[in-house]
Amino acid sequence: MSVLAPTVDGSRPFNFLLGFGLPALLMAALLIGEPSQLDFALSRLFYEPGAGFVGRHSWLLEDFLHDRVKQLVILIGVLAIAGFLLSLMPTRLARWRRPLGYLVLALGLSTSIVSPLKTLTGVHCPWSLSEFGGTETFTPLLAERAPTLKPGRCWPGGHASAGFSLLALYFVLRDRRPRLAHIALGVALALGTLMSAGRVMQGAHFASHNLWTLLFDWTICLACYRLLLYRRAATPAPGIVATATT
């Protein structure tokens, strides 16, 4: 049997109330508290008046962390799609049809919601704002946008979604290989955080933009897991329990 054989009697226990509730509370806190002061304070750490953001033209942040790592995540998505298509045929991957389908759906939704939200909200990037050498006026997320000829496209963080979307790997593995699942969880969080920090250093996003991305991606991956993969453990019939205890 494969070490990753997707055969389980039921899913490991999961507190969905906490899993959905905590991100919802954090989203509400971000909307009510409006984190612009903290966002500006963090971004100023990487901004030099007259020179711009320290990471704006960094090879490590732009070519490697932005482009190459994102391409790696795209490759994982392509492999998941290919695997799912093969699972529709009479191959060994047929046993993995549901997990692969989950992976394709969770990765796709986690990354595809970003562009519509950016277009809808019109939030400007730090490097476009007058406080950081640009020409645009800052307005909070829920406030009416200041007049501009070029609406922003910076909320939520798009690049961070490439890293945080890999939270889907945690949910694929948690009921089959818990240890690998926790490694996948750590990798997804670390990679998403690293990619987020890089974009903050470049002036492409405020920190809260990427926190929103994490909350969205976690919620999406968890919702898809609940719908497609989560299975309650079978409860033995009363007669069987009585027989087993006598």
C-alpha atoms as a PDB file:
ATOM      1  CA  MET A   1       0.000   0.000   0.000  1.00  0.00           C
ATOM      2  CA  SER A   2       1.239   3.496  -0.788  1.00  0.00           C
ATOM      3  CA  VAL A   3       2.465   5.529   2.188  1.00  0.00           C
ATOM      4  CA  LEU A   4      -0.041   8.164   1.123  1.00  0.00           C
ATOM      5  CA  ALA A   5      -2.943   5.857   0.342  1.00  0.00           C
ATOM      6  CA  PRO A   6      -6.114   7.944   0.722  1.00  0.00           C
ATOM      7  CA  THR A   7      -8.051   5.397   2.719  1.00  0.00           C
ATOM      8  CA  VAL A   8      -9.357   6.553   6.105  1.00  0.00           C
ATOM      9  CA  ASP A   9     -12.376   5.480   8.128  1.00  0.00           C
ATOM     10  CA  GLY A  10     -13.135   9.041   9.155  1.00  0.00           C
ATOM     11  CA  SER A  11     -11.538  12.427   9.474  1.00  0.00           C
ATOM     12  CA  ARG A  12      -9.598  13.472  12.520  1.00  0.00           C
ATOM     13  CA  PRO A  13     -11.597  15.768  14.843  1.00  0.00           C
ATOM     14  CA  PHE A  14     -11.613  19.422  13.851  1.00  0.00           C
ATOM     15  CA  ASN A  15     -13.185  22.404  15.606  1.00  0.00           C
ATOM     16  CA  PHE A  16     -14.915  24.094  12.684  1.00  0.00           C
ATOM     17  CA  LEU A  17     -16.495  26.709  14.940  1.00  0.00           C
ATOM     18  CA  LEU A  18     -13.034  27.904  15.888  1.00  0.00           C
ATOM     19  CA  GLY A  19     -11.640  27.330  12.401  1.00  0.00           C
ATOM     20  CA  PHE A  20     -14.218  29.591  10.791  1.00  0.00           C
ATOM     21  CA  GLY A  21     -14.956  31.837  13.764  1.00  0.00           C
ATOM     22  CA  LEU A  22     -11.448  33.087  14.549  1.00  0.00           C
ATOM     23  CA  PRO A  23     -10.739  34.319  10.989  1.00  0.00           C
ATOM     24  CA  ALA A  24     -14.170  35.977  10.920  1.00  0.00           C
ATOM     25  CA  LEU A  25     -13.414  37.785  14.185  1.00  0.00           C
ATOM     26  CA  LEU A  26     -10.045  38.927  12.856  1.00  0.00           C
ATOM     27  CA  MET A  27     -11.688  40.224   9.678  1.00  0.00           C
ATOM     28  CA  ALA A  28     -14.213  42.151  11.760  1.00  0.00           C
ATOM     29  CA  ALA A  29     -11.395  43.555  13.897  1.00  0.00           C
ATOM     30  CA  LEU A  30      -9.535  44.731  10.783  1.00  0.00           C
ATOM     31  CA  LEU A  31     -12.668  46.438   9.467  1.00  0.00           C
ATOM     32  CA  ILE A  32     -13.550  48.090  12.771  1.00  0.00           C
ATOM     33  CA  GLY A  33     -10.035  48.894  13.940  1.00  0.00           C
ATOM     34  CA  GLU A  34      -8.697  50.117  10.554  1.00  0.00           C
ATOM     35  CA  PRO A  35      -4.967  49.199  10.754  1.00  0.00           C
ATOM     36  CA  SER A  36      -3.611  52.050   8.598  1.00  0.00           C
ATOM     37  CA  GLN A  37      -1.441  53.523  11.355  1.00  0.00           C
ATOM     38  CA  LEU A  38       0.336  50.224  11.932  1.00  0.00           C
ATOM     39  CA  ASP A  39       0.563  49.652   8.168  1.00  0.00           C
ATOM     40  CA  PHE A  40       2.234  53.031   7.640  1.00  0.00           C
ATOM     41  CA  ALA A  41       4.595  52.508  10.581  1.00  0.00           C
ATOM     42  CA  LEU A  42       5.780  49.162   9.224  1.00  0.00           C
ATOM     43  CA  SER A  43       6.160  50.422   5.659  1.00  0.00           C
ATOM     44  CA  ARG A  44       8.188  53.446   6.783  1.00  0.00           C
ATOM     45  CA  LEU A  45      10.802  51.025   8.133  1.00  0.00           C
ATOM     46  CA  PHE A  46      11.650  50.147   4.526  1.00  0.00           C
ATOM     47  CA  TYR A  47      11.255  53.574   2.937  1.00  0.00           C
ATOM     48  CA  GLU A  48      13.997  56.156   2.378  1.00  0.00           C
ATOM     49  CA  PRO A  49      12.814  59.639   1.329  1.00  0.00           C
ATOM     50  CA  GLY A  50      14.179  60.460  -2.080  1.00  0.00           C
ATOM     51  CA  ALA A  51      15.325  56.898  -2.703  1.00  0.00           C
ATOM     52  CA  GLY A  52      12.068  54.963  -2.343  1.00  0.00           C
ATOM     53  CA  PHE A  53      11.517  51.543  -0.849  1.00  0.00           C
ATOM     54  CA  VAL A  54      14.691  49.612  -0.152  1.00  0.00           C
ATOM     55  CA  GLY A  55      13.446  46.453  -1.852  1.00  0.00           C
ATOM     56  CA  ARG A  56      11.877  48.045  -4.930  1.00  0.00           C
ATOM     57  CA  HIS A  57      14.604  46.846  -7.308  1.00  0.00           C
ATOM     58  CA  SER A  58      16.000  43.951  -5.296  1.00  0.00           C
ATOM     59  CA  TRP A  59      16.881  40.913  -7.412  1.00  0.00           C
ATOM     60  CA  LEU A  60      16.218  38.607  -4.457  1.00  0.00           C
ATOM     61  CA  LEU A  61      12.772  40.045  -3.760  1.00  0.00           C
ATOM     62  CA  GLU A  62      11.658  40.666  -7.338  1.00  0.00           C
ATOM     63  CA  ASP A  63      13.200  37.978  -9.532  1.00  0.00           C
ATOM     64  CA  PHE A  64      13.503  35.144  -7.039  1.00  0.00           C
ATOM     65  CA  LEU A  65      10.877  35.598  -4.323  1.00  0.00           C
ATOM     66  CA  HIS A  66       8.280  37.258  -6.542  1.00  0.00           C
ATOM     67  CA  ASP A  67       8.729  35.475  -9.864  1.00  0.00           C
ATOM     68  CA  ARG A  68      10.470  32.138  -9.314  1.00  0.00           C
ATOM     69  CA  VAL A  69       8.655  31.119  -6.140  1.00  0.00           C
ATOM     70  CA  LYS A  70       5.324  32.107  -7.662  1.00  0.00           C
ATOM     71  CA  GLN A  71       6.140  29.998 -10.701  1.00  0.00           C
ATOM     72  CA  LEU A  72       6.834  27.054  -8.402  1.00  0.00           C
ATOM     73  CA  VAL A  73       3.390  27.401  -6.836  1.00  0.00           C
ATOM     74  CA  ILE A  74       1.844  27.631 -10.301  1.00  0.00           C
ATOM     75  CA  LEU A  75       3.656  24.402 -11.193  1.00  0.00           C
ATOM     76  CA  ILE A  76       2.101  22.702  -8.156  1.00  0.00           C
ATOM     77  CA  GLY A  77      -1.303  23.841  -9.373  1.00  0.00           C
ATOM     78  CA  VAL A  78      -0.649  22.534 -12.886  1.00  0.00           C
ATOM     79  CA  LEU A  79       0.460  19.171 -11.496  1.00  0.00           C
ATOM     80  CA  ALA A  80      -2.691  19.013  -9.369  1.00  0.00           C
ATOM     81  CA  ILE A  81      -4.853  19.654 -12.434  1.00  0.00           C
ATOM     82  CA  ALA A  82      -2.979  17.027 -14.451  1.00  0.00           C
ATOM     83  CA  GLY A  83      -3.294  14.539 -11.607  1.00  0.00           C
ATOM     84  CA  PHE A  84      -7.022  15.182 -11.276  1.00  0.00           C
ATOM     85  CA  LEU A  85      -7.575  14.689 -15.007  1.00  0.00           C
ATOM     86  CA  LEU A  86      -5.644  11.415 -14.876  1.00  0.00           C
ATOM     87  CA  SER A  87      -7.716  10.339 -11.871  1.00  0.00           C
ATOM     88  CA  LEU A  88     -10.803  10.465 -14.080  1.00  0.00           C
ATOM     89  CA  MET A  89      -9.318   7.575 -16.050  1.00  0.00           C
ATOM     90  CA  PRO A  90      -8.856   3.963 -14.889  1.00  0.00           C
ATOM     91  CA  THR A  91      -5.435   4.590 -13.358  1.00  0.00           C
ATOM     92  CA  ARG A  92      -3.952   4.293  -9.875  1.00  0.00           C
ATOM     93  CA  LEU A  93      -4.725   7.959  -9.378  1.00  0.00           C
ATOM     94  CA  ALA A  94      -8.438   7.144  -9.403  1.00  0.00           C
ATOM     95  CA  ARG A  95      -8.198   6.594  -5.633  1.00  0.00           C
ATOM     96  CA  TRP A  96      -6.972  10.160  -5.314  1.00  0.00           C
ATOM     97  CA  ARG A  97      -9.778  11.708  -7.358  1.00  0.00           C
ATOM     98  CA  ARG A  98     -11.467  13.481  -4.464  1.00  0.00           C
ATOM     99  CA  PRO A  99      -8.265  14.797  -2.773  1.00  0.00           C
ATOM    100  CA  LEU A 100      -6.909  15.987  -6.125  1.00  0.00           C
ATOM    101  CA  GLY A 101     -10.238  17.583  -6.959  1.00  0.00           C
ATOM    102  CA  TYR A 102     -10.137  19.341  -3.599  1.00  0.00           C
ATOM    103  CA  LEU A 103      -6.605  20.555  -4.261  1.00  0.00           C
ATOM    104  CA  VAL A 104      -7.521  21.967  -7.670  1.00  0.00           C
ATOM    105  CA  LEU A 105     -10.608  23.716  -6.280  1.00  0.00           C
ATOM    106  CA  ALA A 106      -8.940  25.123  -3.148  1.00  0.00           C
ATOM    107  CA  LEU A 107      -5.854  26.365  -4.980  1.00  0.00           C
ATOM    108  CA  GLY A 108      -7.954  27.826  -7.775  1.00  0.00           C
ATOM    109  CA  LEU A 109     -10.368  29.695  -5.513  1.00  0.00           C
ATOM    110  CA  SER A 110      -7.623  30.922  -3.175  1.00  0.00           C
ATOM    111  CA  THR A 111      -5.733  32.593  -5.993  1.00  0.00           C
ATOM    112  CA  SER A 112      -8.561  33.578  -8.343  1.00  0.00           C
ATOM    113  CA  ILE A 113     -10.520  35.750  -5.885  1.00  0.00           C
ATOM    114  CA  VAL A 114      -7.681  38.260  -5.657  1.00  0.00           C
ATOM    115  CA  SER A 115      -8.044  40.026  -9.012  1.00  0.00           C
ATOM    116  CA  PRO A 116     -11.815  40.646  -8.740  1.00  0.00           C
ATOM    117  CA  LEU A 117     -11.385  42.017  -5.216  1.00  0.00           C
ATOM    118  CA  LYS A 118      -8.568  44.293  -6.347  1.00  0.00           C
ATOM    119  CA  THR A 119     -10.732  45.680  -9.130  1.00  0.00           C
ATOM    120  CA  LEU A 120     -13.705  46.093  -6.808  1.00  0.00           C
ATOM    121  CA  THR A 121     -11.865  47.911  -4.006  1.00  0.00           C
ATOM    122  CA  GLY A 122      -9.422  50.094  -5.964  1.00  0.00           C
ATOM    123  CA  VAL A 123      -6.954  50.339  -3.055  1.00  0.00           C
ATOM    124  CA  HIS A 124      -3.600  51.910  -3.931  1.00  0.00           C
ATOM    125  CA  CYS A 125      -0.196  50.419  -3.216  1.00  0.00           C
ATOM    126  CA  PRO A 126       2.108  52.194  -0.754  1.00  0.00           C
ATOM    127  CA  TRP A 127       4.529  53.168  -3.534  1.00  0.00           C
ATOM    128  CA  SER A 128       1.702  55.081  -5.240  1.00  0.00           C
ATOM    129  CA  LEU A 129       0.828  57.200  -2.203  1.00  0.00           C
ATOM    130  CA  SER A 130       2.046  60.757  -1.620  1.00  0.00           C
ATOM    131  CA  GLU A 131       3.433  59.709   1.782  1.00  0.00           C
ATOM    132  CA  PHE A 132       5.883  57.428  -0.025  1.00  0.00           C
ATOM    133  CA  GLY A 133       6.841  59.567  -3.003  1.00  0.00           C
ATOM    134  CA  GLY A 134       3.791  58.856  -5.166  1.00  0.00           C
ATOM    135  CA  THR A 135       0.879  61.050  -6.184  1.00  0.00           C
ATOM    136  CA  GLU A 136      -2.198  59.231  -4.883  1.00  0.00           C
ATOM    137  CA  THR A 137      -4.165  59.998  -1.718  1.00  0.00           C
ATOM    138  CA  PHE A 138      -4.606  57.270   0.871  1.00  0.00           C
ATOM    139  CA  THR A 139      -8.152  56.242   1.787  1.00  0.00           C
ATOM    140  CA  PRO A 140      -9.119  53.425   4.175  1.00  0.00           C
ATOM    141  CA  LEU A 141     -10.558  50.210   2.788  1.00  0.00           C
ATOM    142  CA  LEU A 142     -14.238  51.042   3.368  1.00  0.00           C
ATOM    143  CA  ALA A 143     -13.956  54.769   2.668  1.00  0.00           C
ATOM    144  CA  GLU A 144     -14.873  56.425  -0.601  1.00  0.00           C
ATOM    145  CA  ARG A 145     -11.868  56.576  -2.894  1.00  0.00           C
ATOM    146  CA  ALA A 146     -10.231  59.929  -3.548  1.00  0.00           C
ATOM    147  CA  PRO A 147     -10.581  61.095  -7.172  1.00  0.00           C
ATOM    148  CA  THR A 148      -7.920  59.490  -9.373  1.00  0.00           C
ATOM    149  CA  LEU A 149      -7.266  58.694 -13.014  1.00  0.00           C
ATOM    150  CA  LYS A 150      -5.752  55.336 -12.098  1.00  0.00           C
ATOM    151  CA  PRO A 151      -7.530  53.234  -9.441  1.00  0.00           C
ATOM    152  CA  GLY A 152      -5.278  51.056  -7.329  1.00  0.00           C
ATOM    153  CA  ARG A 153      -5.113  47.267  -7.447  1.00  0.00           C
ATOM    154  CA  CYS A 154      -3.456  46.391  -4.172  1.00  0.00           C
ATOM    155  CA  TRP A 155      -6.044  44.835  -1.844  1.00  0.00           C
ATOM    156  CA  PRO A 156      -5.819  42.023  -0.950  1.00  0.00           C
ATOM    157  CA  GLY A 157      -2.230  40.915  -1.513  1.00  0.00           C
ATOM    158  CA  GLY A 158      -2.037  38.860  -4.683  1.00  0.00           C
ATOM    159  CA  HIS A 159       1.504  37.590  -4.385  1.00  0.00           C
ATOM    160  CA  ALA A 160       0.908  36.379  -0.827  1.00  0.00           C
ATOM    161  CA  SER A 161      -1.979  34.234  -2.069  1.00  0.00           C
ATOM    162  CA  ALA A 162       0.500  32.066  -3.970  1.00  0.00           C
ATOM    163  CA  GLY A 163       2.111  31.064  -0.687  1.00  0.00           C
ATOM    164  CA  PHE A 164      -0.942  30.946   1.550  1.00  0.00           C
ATOM    165  CA  SER A 165      -2.939  28.946  -1.017  1.00  0.00           C
ATOM    166  CA  LEU A 166      -0.678  26.000  -0.149  1.00  0.00           C
ATOM    167  CA  LEU A 167      -2.674  25.693   3.064  1.00  0.00           C
ATOM    168  CA  ALA A 168      -4.691  23.334   0.879  1.00  0.00           C
ATOM    169  CA  LEU A 169      -1.871  20.777   1.173  1.00  0.00           C
ATOM    170  CA  TYR A 170      -2.364  20.701   4.936  1.00  0.00           C
ATOM    171  CA  PHE A 171      -6.022  19.764   4.590  1.00  0.00           C
ATOM    172  CA  VAL A 172      -5.286  17.138   1.928  1.00  0.00           C
ATOM    173  CA  LEU A 173      -2.843  15.421   4.292  1.00  0.00           C
ATOM    174  CA  ARG A 174      -4.305  15.966   7.791  1.00  0.00           C
ATOM    175  CA  ASP A 175      -6.489  12.831   7.799  1.00  0.00           C
ATOM    176  CA  ARG A 176      -3.871  10.586   6.193  1.00  0.00           C
ATOM    177  CA  ARG A 177      -0.432  11.726   7.269  1.00  0.00           C
ATOM    178  CA  PRO A 178      -0.741  14.168  10.204  1.00  0.00           C
ATOM    179  CA  ARG A 179       3.012  14.703  10.495  1.00  0.00           C
ATOM    180  CA  LEU A 180       3.344  15.614   6.832  1.00  0.00           C
ATOM    181  CA  ALA A 181       0.255  17.778   7.191  1.00  0.00           C
ATOM    182  CA  HIS A 182       1.865  19.839   9.927  1.00  0.00           C
ATOM    183  CA  ILE A 183       5.004  20.230   7.833  1.00  0.00           C
ATOM    184  CA  ALA A 184       2.849  21.411   4.916  1.00  0.00           C
ATOM    185  CA  LEU A 185       1.060  23.848   7.224  1.00  0.00           C
ATOM    186  CA  GLY A 186       4.360  25.286   8.423  1.00  0.00           C
ATOM    187  CA  VAL A 187       5.708  25.582   4.878  1.00  0.00           C
ATOM    188  CA  ALA A 188       2.556  27.339   3.631  1.00  0.00           C
ATOM    189  CA  LEU A 189       2.533  29.826   6.500  1.00  0.00           C
ATOM    190  CA  ALA A 190       6.276  30.461   6.276  1.00  0.00           C
ATOM    191  CA  LEU A 191       6.251  30.868   2.503  1.00  0.00           C
ATOM    192  CA  GLY A 192       3.202  33.124   2.524  1.00  0.00           C
ATOM    193  CA  THR A 193       4.692  35.254   5.284  1.00  0.00           C
ATOM    194  CA  LEU A 194       8.044  35.497   3.501  1.00  0.00           C
ATOM    195  CA  MET A 195       6.385  36.515   0.252  1.00  0.00           C
ATOM    196  CA  SER A 196       4.246  39.030   2.129  1.00  0.00           C
ATOM    197  CA  ALA A 197       7.265  40.568   3.857  1.00  0.00           C
ATOM    198  CA  GLY A 198       9.059  40.883   0.541  1.00  0.00           C
ATOM    199  CA  ARG A 199       6.211  42.845  -0.991  1.00  0.00           C
ATOM    200  CA  VAL A 200       6.005  45.132   2.043  1.00  0.00           C
ATOM    201  CA  MET A 201       9.722  45.837   1.693  1.00  0.00           C
ATOM    202  CA  GLN A 202       9.146  46.693  -1.967  1.00  0.00           C
ATOM    203  CA  GLY A 203       6.263  49.041  -1.206  1.00  0.00           C
ATOM    204  CA  ALA A 204       3.836  46.888  -3.174  1.00  0.00           C
ATOM    205  CA  HIS A 205       1.521  46.155  -0.222  1.00  0.00           C
ATOM    206  CA  PHE A 206       0.742  47.124   3.324  1.00  0.00           C
ATOM    207  CA  ALA A 207       1.047  44.333   5.879  1.00  0.00           C
ATOM    208  CA  SER A 208      -2.717  44.209   6.445  1.00  0.00           C
ATOM    209  CA  HIS A 209      -3.292  43.529   2.736  1.00  0.00           C
ATOM    210  CA  ASN A 210      -1.456  40.234   3.133  1.00  0.00           C
ATOM    211  CA  LEU A 211      -3.131  39.405   6.438  1.00  0.00           C
ATOM    212  CA  TRP A 212      -6.464  39.648   4.630  1.00  0.00           C
ATOM    213  CA  THR A 213      -5.110  37.234   2.031  1.00  0.00           C
ATOM    214  CA  LEU A 214      -4.167  34.728   4.723  1.00  0.00           C
ATOM    215  CA  LEU A 215      -7.633  34.946   6.282  1.00  0.00           C
ATOM    216  CA  PHE A 216      -9.364  34.537   2.914  1.00  0.00           C
ATOM    217  CA  ASP A 217      -7.202  31.591   1.859  1.00  0.00           C
ATOM    218  CA  TRP A 218      -7.569  29.784   5.190  1.00  0.00           C
ATOM    219  CA  THR A 219     -11.346  30.184   5.068  1.00  0.00           C
ATOM    220  CA  ILE A 220     -11.548  28.981   1.469  1.00  0.00           C
ATOM    221  CA  CYS A 221      -9.316  25.952   2.054  1.00  0.00           C
ATOM    222  CA  LEU A 222     -11.210  25.036   5.217  1.00  0.00           C
ATOM    223  CA  ALA A 223     -14.626  25.418   3.551  1.00  0.00           C
ATOM    224  CA  CYS A 224     -13.559  23.207   0.637  1.00  0.00           C
ATOM    225  CA  TYR A 225     -12.180  20.661   3.098  1.00  0.00           C
ATOM    226  CA  ARG A 226     -15.465  20.593   5.015  1.00  0.00           C
ATOM    227  CA  LEU A 227     -17.462  20.091   1.827  1.00  0.00           C
ATOM    228  CA  LEU A 228     -15.230  17.636  -0.048  1.00  0.00           C
ATOM    229  CA  LEU A 229     -12.915  15.752   2.300  1.00  0.00           C
ATOM    230  CA  TYR A 230     -14.174  15.830   5.869  1.00  0.00           C
ATOM    231  CA  ARG A 231     -15.895  12.627   6.938  1.00  0.00           C
ATOM    232  CA  ARG A 232     -17.203  11.923  10.410  1.00  0.00           C
ATOM    233  CA  ALA A 233     -15.875   8.720  11.916  1.00  0.00           C
ATOM    234  CA  ALA A 234     -18.414   5.915  11.768  1.00  0.00           C
ATOM    235  CA  THR A 235     -20.247   5.320  15.053  1.00  0.00           C
ATOM    236  CA  PRO A 236     -20.567   1.629  15.937  1.00  0.00           C
ATOM    237  CA  ALA A 237     -24.093   0.295  16.347  1.00  0.00           C
ATOM    238  CA  PRO A 238     -25.222  -0.148  20.004  1.00  0.00           C
ATOM    239  CA  GLY A 239     -25.319  -3.920  19.664  1.00  0.00           C
ATOM    240  CA  ILE A 240     -21.752  -4.038  18.390  1.00  0.00           C
ATOM    241  CA  VAL A 241     -20.551  -1.818  21.260  1.00  0.00           C
ATOM    242  CA  ALA A 242     -22.304  -4.036  23.814  1.00  0.00           C
ATOM    243  CA  THR A 243     -20.790  -7.179  22.318  1.00  0.00           C
ATOM    244  CA  ALA A 244     -17.308  -5.633  22.292  1.00  0.00           C
ATOM    245  CA  THR A 245     -17.513  -4.690  25.978  1.00  0.00           C
ATOM    246  CA  THR A 246     -18.773  -8.037  27.315  1.00  0.00           C
END
